[in-house]
Amino acid sequence: MILPLDLLIGNYDNVYEFTCAAIRRASQITLAGDEEIVENDGKVVSTAIKQILTKKVEYRLGE
């Protein structure tokens, strides 16, 4: 799978925040599953990163 790196370069000033969101999304995918996992040969982290970059899923900071 090719990640859309052009989206990553200009959109995320806080790498730590993005990393936390990707970890959380990967955990959610592992527990609940996602149809994209089959397409991506079971690559959970790559799928999570792609979903965040393409805005398929959105995140916000916890309170």
PDB file of N, CA and C in Angstrom:
ATOM      1  N   MET A   1       0.840  -1.166   0.000  1.00  0.00           N
ATOM      2  CA  MET A   1       0.000   0.000   0.000  1.00  0.00           C
ATOM      3  C   MET A   1       0.891   1.237   0.000  1.00  0.00           C
ATOM      4  N   ILE A   2       0.513   2.205  -0.768  1.00  0.00           N
ATOM      5  CA  ILE A   2       1.246   3.460  -0.830  1.00  0.00           C
ATOM      6  C   ILE A   2       0.505   4.490   0.009  1.00  0.00           C
ATOM      7  N   LEU A   3       1.209   5.080   0.958  1.00  0.00           N
ATOM      8  CA  LEU A   3       0.611   6.109   1.798  1.00  0.00           C
ATOM      9  C   LEU A   3       0.637   7.444   1.071  1.00  0.00           C
ATOM     10  N   PRO A   4      -0.405   8.247   1.234  1.00  0.00           N
ATOM     11  CA  PRO A   4      -0.434   9.576   0.594  1.00  0.00           C
ATOM     12  C   PRO A   4       0.451  10.564   1.361  1.00  0.00           C
ATOM     13  N   LEU A   5       1.755  10.489   1.128  1.00  0.00           N
ATOM     14  CA  LEU A   5       2.702  11.314   1.875  1.00  0.00           C
ATOM     15  C   LEU A   5       2.553  12.801   1.593  1.00  0.00           C
ATOM     16  N   ASP A   6       2.058  13.147   0.428  1.00  0.00           N
ATOM     17  CA  ASP A   6       1.847  14.560   0.128  1.00  0.00           C
ATOM     18  C   ASP A   6       0.846  15.175   1.093  1.00  0.00           C
ATOM     19  N   LEU A   7      -0.107  14.388   1.575  1.00  0.00           N
ATOM     20  CA  LEU A   7      -1.062  14.878   2.562  1.00  0.00           C
ATOM     21  C   LEU A   7      -0.406  15.044   3.926  1.00  0.00           C
ATOM     22  N   LEU A   8       0.536  14.197   4.242  1.00  0.00           N
ATOM     23  CA  LEU A   8       1.215  14.257   5.532  1.00  0.00           C
ATOM     24  C   LEU A   8       2.117  15.480   5.647  1.00  0.00           C
ATOM     25  N   ILE A   9       2.805  15.816   4.599  1.00  0.00           N
ATOM     26  CA  ILE A   9       3.817  16.869   4.643  1.00  0.00           C
ATOM     27  C   ILE A   9       3.232  18.226   5.032  1.00  0.00           C
ATOM     28  N   GLY A  10       2.118  18.608   4.449  1.00  0.00           N
ATOM     29  CA  GLY A  10       1.609  19.946   4.684  1.00  0.00           C
ATOM     30  C   GLY A  10       0.556  20.082   5.758  1.00  0.00           C
ATOM     31  N   ASN A  11       0.045  18.997   6.285  1.00  0.00           N
ATOM     32  CA  ASN A  11      -1.135  19.105   7.136  1.00  0.00           C
ATOM     33  C   ASN A  11      -0.924  18.885   8.621  1.00  0.00           C
ATOM     34  N   TYR A  12       0.192  18.345   9.037  1.00  0.00           N
ATOM     35  CA  TYR A  12       0.333  17.992  10.443  1.00  0.00           C
ATOM     36  C   TYR A  12       1.550  18.656  11.067  1.00  0.00           C
ATOM     37  N   ASP A  13       1.280  19.649  11.897  1.00  0.00           N
ATOM     38  CA  ASP A  13       2.349  20.344  12.595  1.00  0.00           C
ATOM     39  C   ASP A  13       2.789  19.568  13.833  1.00  0.00           C
ATOM     40  N   ASN A  14       1.850  18.877  14.461  1.00  0.00           N
ATOM     41  CA  ASN A  14       2.139  18.160  15.689  1.00  0.00           C
ATOM     42  C   ASN A  14       2.255  16.665  15.394  1.00  0.00           C
ATOM     43  N   VAL A  15       3.460  16.190  15.241  1.00  0.00           N
ATOM     44  CA  VAL A  15       3.705  14.793  14.894  1.00  0.00           C
ATOM     45  C   VAL A  15       3.267  13.868  16.030  1.00  0.00           C
ATOM     46  N   TYR A  16       3.469  14.315  17.261  1.00  0.00           N
ATOM     47  CA  TYR A  16       3.061  13.504  18.410  1.00  0.00           C
ATOM     48  C   TYR A  16       1.552  13.263  18.400  1.00  0.00           C
ATOM     49  N   GLU A  17       0.793  14.302  18.133  1.00  0.00           N
ATOM     50  CA  GLU A  17      -0.666  14.192  18.071  1.00  0.00           C
ATOM     51  C   GLU A  17      -1.091  13.221  16.962  1.00  0.00           C
ATOM     52  N   PHE A  18      -0.476  13.357  15.815  1.00  0.00           N
ATOM     53  CA  PHE A  18      -0.796  12.473  14.696  1.00  0.00           C
ATOM     54  C   PHE A  18      -0.446  11.025  15.025  1.00  0.00           C
ATOM     55  N   THR A  19       0.703  10.820  15.655  1.00  0.00           N
ATOM     56  CA  THR A  19       1.131   9.471  16.029  1.00  0.00           C
ATOM     57  C   THR A  19       0.163   8.842  17.023  1.00  0.00           C
ATOM     58  N   CYS A  20      -0.263   9.619  18.006  1.00  0.00           N
ATOM     59  CA  CYS A  20      -1.238   9.107  18.981  1.00  0.00           C
ATOM     60  C   CYS A  20      -2.548   8.737  18.308  1.00  0.00           C
ATOM     61  N   ALA A  21      -2.984   9.550  17.368  1.00  0.00           N
ATOM     62  CA  ALA A  21      -4.223   9.252  16.639  1.00  0.00           C
ATOM     63  C   ALA A  21      -4.075   7.969  15.818  1.00  0.00           C
ATOM     64  N   ALA A  22      -2.920   7.792  15.188  1.00  0.00           N
ATOM     65  CA  ALA A  22      -2.692   6.584  14.387  1.00  0.00           C
ATOM     66  C   ALA A  22      -2.649   5.335  15.273  1.00  0.00           C
ATOM     67  N   ILE A  23      -2.022   5.452  16.439  1.00  0.00           N
ATOM     68  CA  ILE A  23      -1.977   4.317  17.364  1.00  0.00           C
ATOM     69  C   ILE A  23      -3.380   3.957  17.833  1.00  0.00           C
ATOM     70  N   ARG A  24      -4.154   4.963  18.179  1.00  0.00           N
ATOM     71  CA  ARG A  24      -5.522   4.722  18.658  1.00  0.00           C
ATOM     72  C   ARG A  24      -6.371   4.092  17.562  1.00  0.00           C
ATOM     73  N   ARG A  25      -6.254   4.589  16.336  1.00  0.00           N
ATOM     74  CA  ARG A  25      -7.039   4.044  15.223  1.00  0.00           C
ATOM     75  C   ARG A  25      -6.604   2.611  14.913  1.00  0.00           C
ATOM     76  N   ALA A  26      -5.319   2.333  14.962  1.00  0.00           N
ATOM     77  CA  ALA A  26      -4.832   0.974  14.721  1.00  0.00           C
ATOM     78  C   ALA A  26      -5.388   0.020  15.768  1.00  0.00           C
ATOM     79  N   SER A  27      -5.455   0.469  17.001  1.00  0.00           N
ATOM     80  CA  SER A  27      -6.034  -0.345  18.067  1.00  0.00           C
ATOM     81  C   SER A  27      -7.512  -0.618  17.809  1.00  0.00           C
ATOM     82  N   GLN A  28      -8.243   0.404  17.370  1.00  0.00           N
ATOM     83  CA  GLN A  28      -9.665   0.234  17.055  1.00  0.00           C
ATOM     84  C   GLN A  28      -9.857  -0.760  15.913  1.00  0.00           C
ATOM     85  N   ILE A  29      -9.036  -0.654  14.890  1.00  0.00           N
ATOM     86  CA  ILE A  29      -9.137  -1.559  13.744  1.00  0.00           C
ATOM     87  C   ILE A  29      -8.849  -2.995  14.180  1.00  0.00           C
ATOM     88  N   THR A  30      -7.856  -3.162  15.045  1.00  0.00           N
ATOM     89  CA  THR A  30      -7.507  -4.496  15.520  1.00  0.00           C
ATOM     90  C   THR A  30      -8.672  -5.130  16.272  1.00  0.00           C
ATOM     91  N   LEU A  31      -9.350  -4.354  17.096  1.00  0.00           N
ATOM     92  CA  LEU A  31     -10.456  -4.880  17.892  1.00  0.00           C
ATOM     93  C   LEU A  31     -11.737  -5.081  17.086  1.00  0.00           C
ATOM     94  N   ALA A  32     -12.065  -4.104  16.258  1.00  0.00           N
ATOM     95  CA  ALA A  32     -13.358  -4.135  15.563  1.00  0.00           C
ATOM     96  C   ALA A  32     -13.266  -4.609  14.120  1.00  0.00           C
ATOM     97  N   GLY A  33     -12.095  -4.516  13.520  1.00  0.00           N
ATOM     98  CA  GLY A  33     -11.940  -4.878  12.119  1.00  0.00           C
ATOM     99  C   GLY A  33     -12.307  -3.735  11.192  1.00  0.00           C
ATOM    100  N   ASP A  34     -11.951  -3.884   9.954  1.00  0.00           N
ATOM    101  CA  ASP A  34     -12.247  -2.882   8.933  1.00  0.00           C
ATOM    102  C   ASP A  34     -12.121  -3.557   7.577  1.00  0.00           C
ATOM    103  N   GLU A  35     -12.960  -3.159   6.641  1.00  0.00           N
ATOM    104  CA  GLU A  35     -12.943  -3.797   5.321  1.00  0.00           C
ATOM    105  C   GLU A  35     -11.655  -3.517   4.550  1.00  0.00           C
ATOM    106  N   GLU A  36     -10.966  -2.450   4.886  1.00  0.00           N
ATOM    107  CA  GLU A  36      -9.721  -2.109   4.184  1.00  0.00           C
ATOM    108  C   GLU A  36      -8.563  -3.038   4.561  1.00  0.00           C
ATOM    109  N   ILE A  37      -8.662  -3.720   5.677  1.00  0.00           N
ATOM    110  CA  ILE A  37      -7.585  -4.611   6.118  1.00  0.00           C
ATOM    111  C   ILE A  37      -7.352  -5.727   5.107  1.00  0.00           C
ATOM    112  N   VAL A  38      -8.421  -6.272   4.561  1.00  0.00           N
ATOM    113  CA  VAL A  38      -8.287  -7.345   3.569  1.00  0.00           C
ATOM    114  C   VAL A  38      -7.583  -6.811   2.326  1.00  0.00           C
ATOM    115  N   GLU A  39      -7.938  -5.613   1.912  1.00  0.00           N
ATOM    116  CA  GLU A  39      -7.333  -5.005   0.728  1.00  0.00           C
ATOM    117  C   GLU A  39      -5.844  -4.702   0.950  1.00  0.00           C
ATOM    118  N   ASN A  40      -5.459  -4.448   2.208  1.00  0.00           N
ATOM    119  CA  ASN A  40      -4.082  -4.051   2.522  1.00  0.00           C
ATOM    120  C   ASN A  40      -3.275  -5.183   3.137  1.00  0.00           C
ATOM    121  N   ASP A  41      -3.670  -6.397   2.887  1.00  0.00           N
ATOM    122  CA  ASP A  41      -2.934  -7.578   3.345  1.00  0.00           C
ATOM    123  C   ASP A  41      -2.704  -7.589   4.856  1.00  0.00           C
ATOM    124  N   GLY A  42      -3.680  -7.121   5.621  1.00  0.00           N
ATOM    125  CA  GLY A  42      -3.592  -7.166   7.075  1.00  0.00           C
ATOM    126  C   GLY A  42      -2.694  -6.128   7.706  1.00  0.00           C
ATOM    127  N   LYS A  43      -2.329  -5.099   6.995  1.00  0.00           N
ATOM    128  CA  LYS A  43      -1.436  -4.059   7.518  1.00  0.00           C
ATOM    129  C   LYS A  43      -2.264  -3.019   8.273  1.00  0.00           C
ATOM    130  N   VAL A  44      -2.342  -3.206   9.572  1.00  0.00           N
ATOM    131  CA  VAL A  44      -3.217  -2.387  10.407  1.00  0.00           C
ATOM    132  C   VAL A  44      -2.722  -0.952  10.539  1.00  0.00           C
ATOM    133  N   VAL A  45      -1.457  -0.758  10.844  1.00  0.00           N
ATOM    134  CA  VAL A  45      -0.927   0.585  11.070  1.00  0.00           C
ATOM    135  C   VAL A  45      -0.971   1.418   9.785  1.00  0.00           C
ATOM    136  N   SER A  46      -0.597   0.825   8.683  1.00  0.00           N
ATOM    137  CA  SER A  46      -0.658   1.540   7.404  1.00  0.00           C
ATOM    138  C   SER A  46      -2.086   1.937   7.072  1.00  0.00           C
ATOM    139  N   THR A  47      -3.020   1.055   7.351  1.00  0.00           N
ATOM    140  CA  THR A  47      -4.426   1.354   7.103  1.00  0.00           C
ATOM    141  C   THR A  47      -4.881   2.505   7.990  1.00  0.00           C
ATOM    142  N   ALA A  48      -4.496   2.493   9.248  1.00  0.00           N
ATOM    143  CA  ALA A  48      -4.875   3.558  10.176  1.00  0.00           C
ATOM    144  C   ALA A  48      -4.327   4.903   9.720  1.00  0.00           C
ATOM    145  N   ILE A  49      -3.061   4.929   9.328  1.00  0.00           N
ATOM    146  CA  ILE A  49      -2.442   6.174   8.862  1.00  0.00           C
ATOM    147  C   ILE A  49      -3.154   6.692   7.614  1.00  0.00           C
ATOM    148  N   LYS A  50      -3.428   5.815   6.690  1.00  0.00           N
ATOM    149  CA  LYS A  50      -4.103   6.229   5.457  1.00  0.00           C
ATOM    150  C   LYS A  50      -5.486   6.781   5.751  1.00  0.00           C
ATOM    151  N   GLN A  51      -6.219   6.147   6.652  1.00  0.00           N
ATOM    152  CA  GLN A  51      -7.561   6.616   6.986  1.00  0.00           C
ATOM    153  C   GLN A  51      -7.538   7.999   7.626  1.00  0.00           C
ATOM    154  N   ILE A  52      -6.530   8.274   8.432  1.00  0.00           N
ATOM    155  CA  ILE A  52      -6.420   9.594   9.043  1.00  0.00           C
ATOM    156  C   ILE A  52      -6.013  10.638   8.006  1.00  0.00           C
ATOM    157  N   LEU A  53      -5.054  10.310   7.167  1.00  0.00           N
ATOM    158  CA  LEU A  53      -4.580  11.262   6.158  1.00  0.00           C
ATOM    159  C   LEU A  53      -5.656  11.602   5.139  1.00  0.00           C
ATOM    160  N   THR A  54      -6.454  10.618   4.754  1.00  0.00           N
ATOM    161  CA  THR A  54      -7.501  10.863   3.762  1.00  0.00           C
ATOM    162  C   THR A  54      -8.803  11.335   4.387  1.00  0.00           C
ATOM    163  N   LYS A  55      -8.772  11.506   5.723  1.00  0.00           N
ATOM    164  CA  LYS A  55      -9.915  11.995   6.485  1.00  0.00           C
ATOM    165  C   LYS A  55     -11.121  11.072   6.440  1.00  0.00           C
ATOM    166  N   LYS A  56     -10.871   9.778   6.255  1.00  0.00           N
ATOM    167  CA  LYS A  56     -11.958   8.804   6.380  1.00  0.00           C
ATOM    168  C   LYS A  56     -12.421   8.748   7.830  1.00  0.00           C
ATOM    169  N   VAL A  57     -11.474   8.908   8.743  1.00  0.00           N
ATOM    170  CA  VAL A  57     -11.783   9.030  10.162  1.00  0.00           C
ATOM    171  C   VAL A  57     -11.180  10.344  10.663  1.00  0.00           C
ATOM    172  N   GLU A  58     -11.818  10.938  11.643  1.00  0.00           N
ATOM    173  CA  GLU A  58     -11.297  12.163  12.221  1.00  0.00           C
ATOM    174  C   GLU A  58     -11.014  11.920  13.686  1.00  0.00           C
ATOM    175  N   TYR A  59     -10.168  12.730  14.255  1.00  0.00           N
ATOM    176  CA  TYR A  59      -9.834  12.596  15.659  1.00  0.00           C
ATOM    177  C   TYR A  59      -9.840  13.955  16.315  1.00  0.00           C
ATOM    178  N   ARG A  60      -9.946  13.928  17.634  1.00  0.00           N
ATOM    179  CA  ARG A  60      -9.846  15.162  18.415  1.00  0.00           C
ATOM    180  C   ARG A  60      -9.097  14.840  19.693  1.00  0.00           C
ATOM    181  N   LEU A  61      -8.542  15.841  20.293  1.00  0.00           N
ATOM    182  CA  LEU A  61      -7.805  15.642  21.533  1.00  0.00           C
ATOM    183  C   LEU A  61      -8.785  15.338  22.659  1.00  0.00           C
ATOM    184  N   GLY A  62      -8.412  14.379  23.499  1.00  0.00           N
ATOM    185  CA  GLY A  62      -9.255  14.028  24.636  1.00  0.00           C
ATOM    186  C   GLY A  62      -9.196  15.097  25.711  1.00  0.00           C
ATOM    187  N   GLU A  63     -10.233  15.120  26.504  1.00  0.00           N
ATOM    188  CA  GLU A  63     -10.298  16.142  27.552  1.00  0.00           C
ATOM    189  C   GLU A  63      -9.949  15.565  28.882  1.00  0.00           C
TER     190      GLU A  63
END
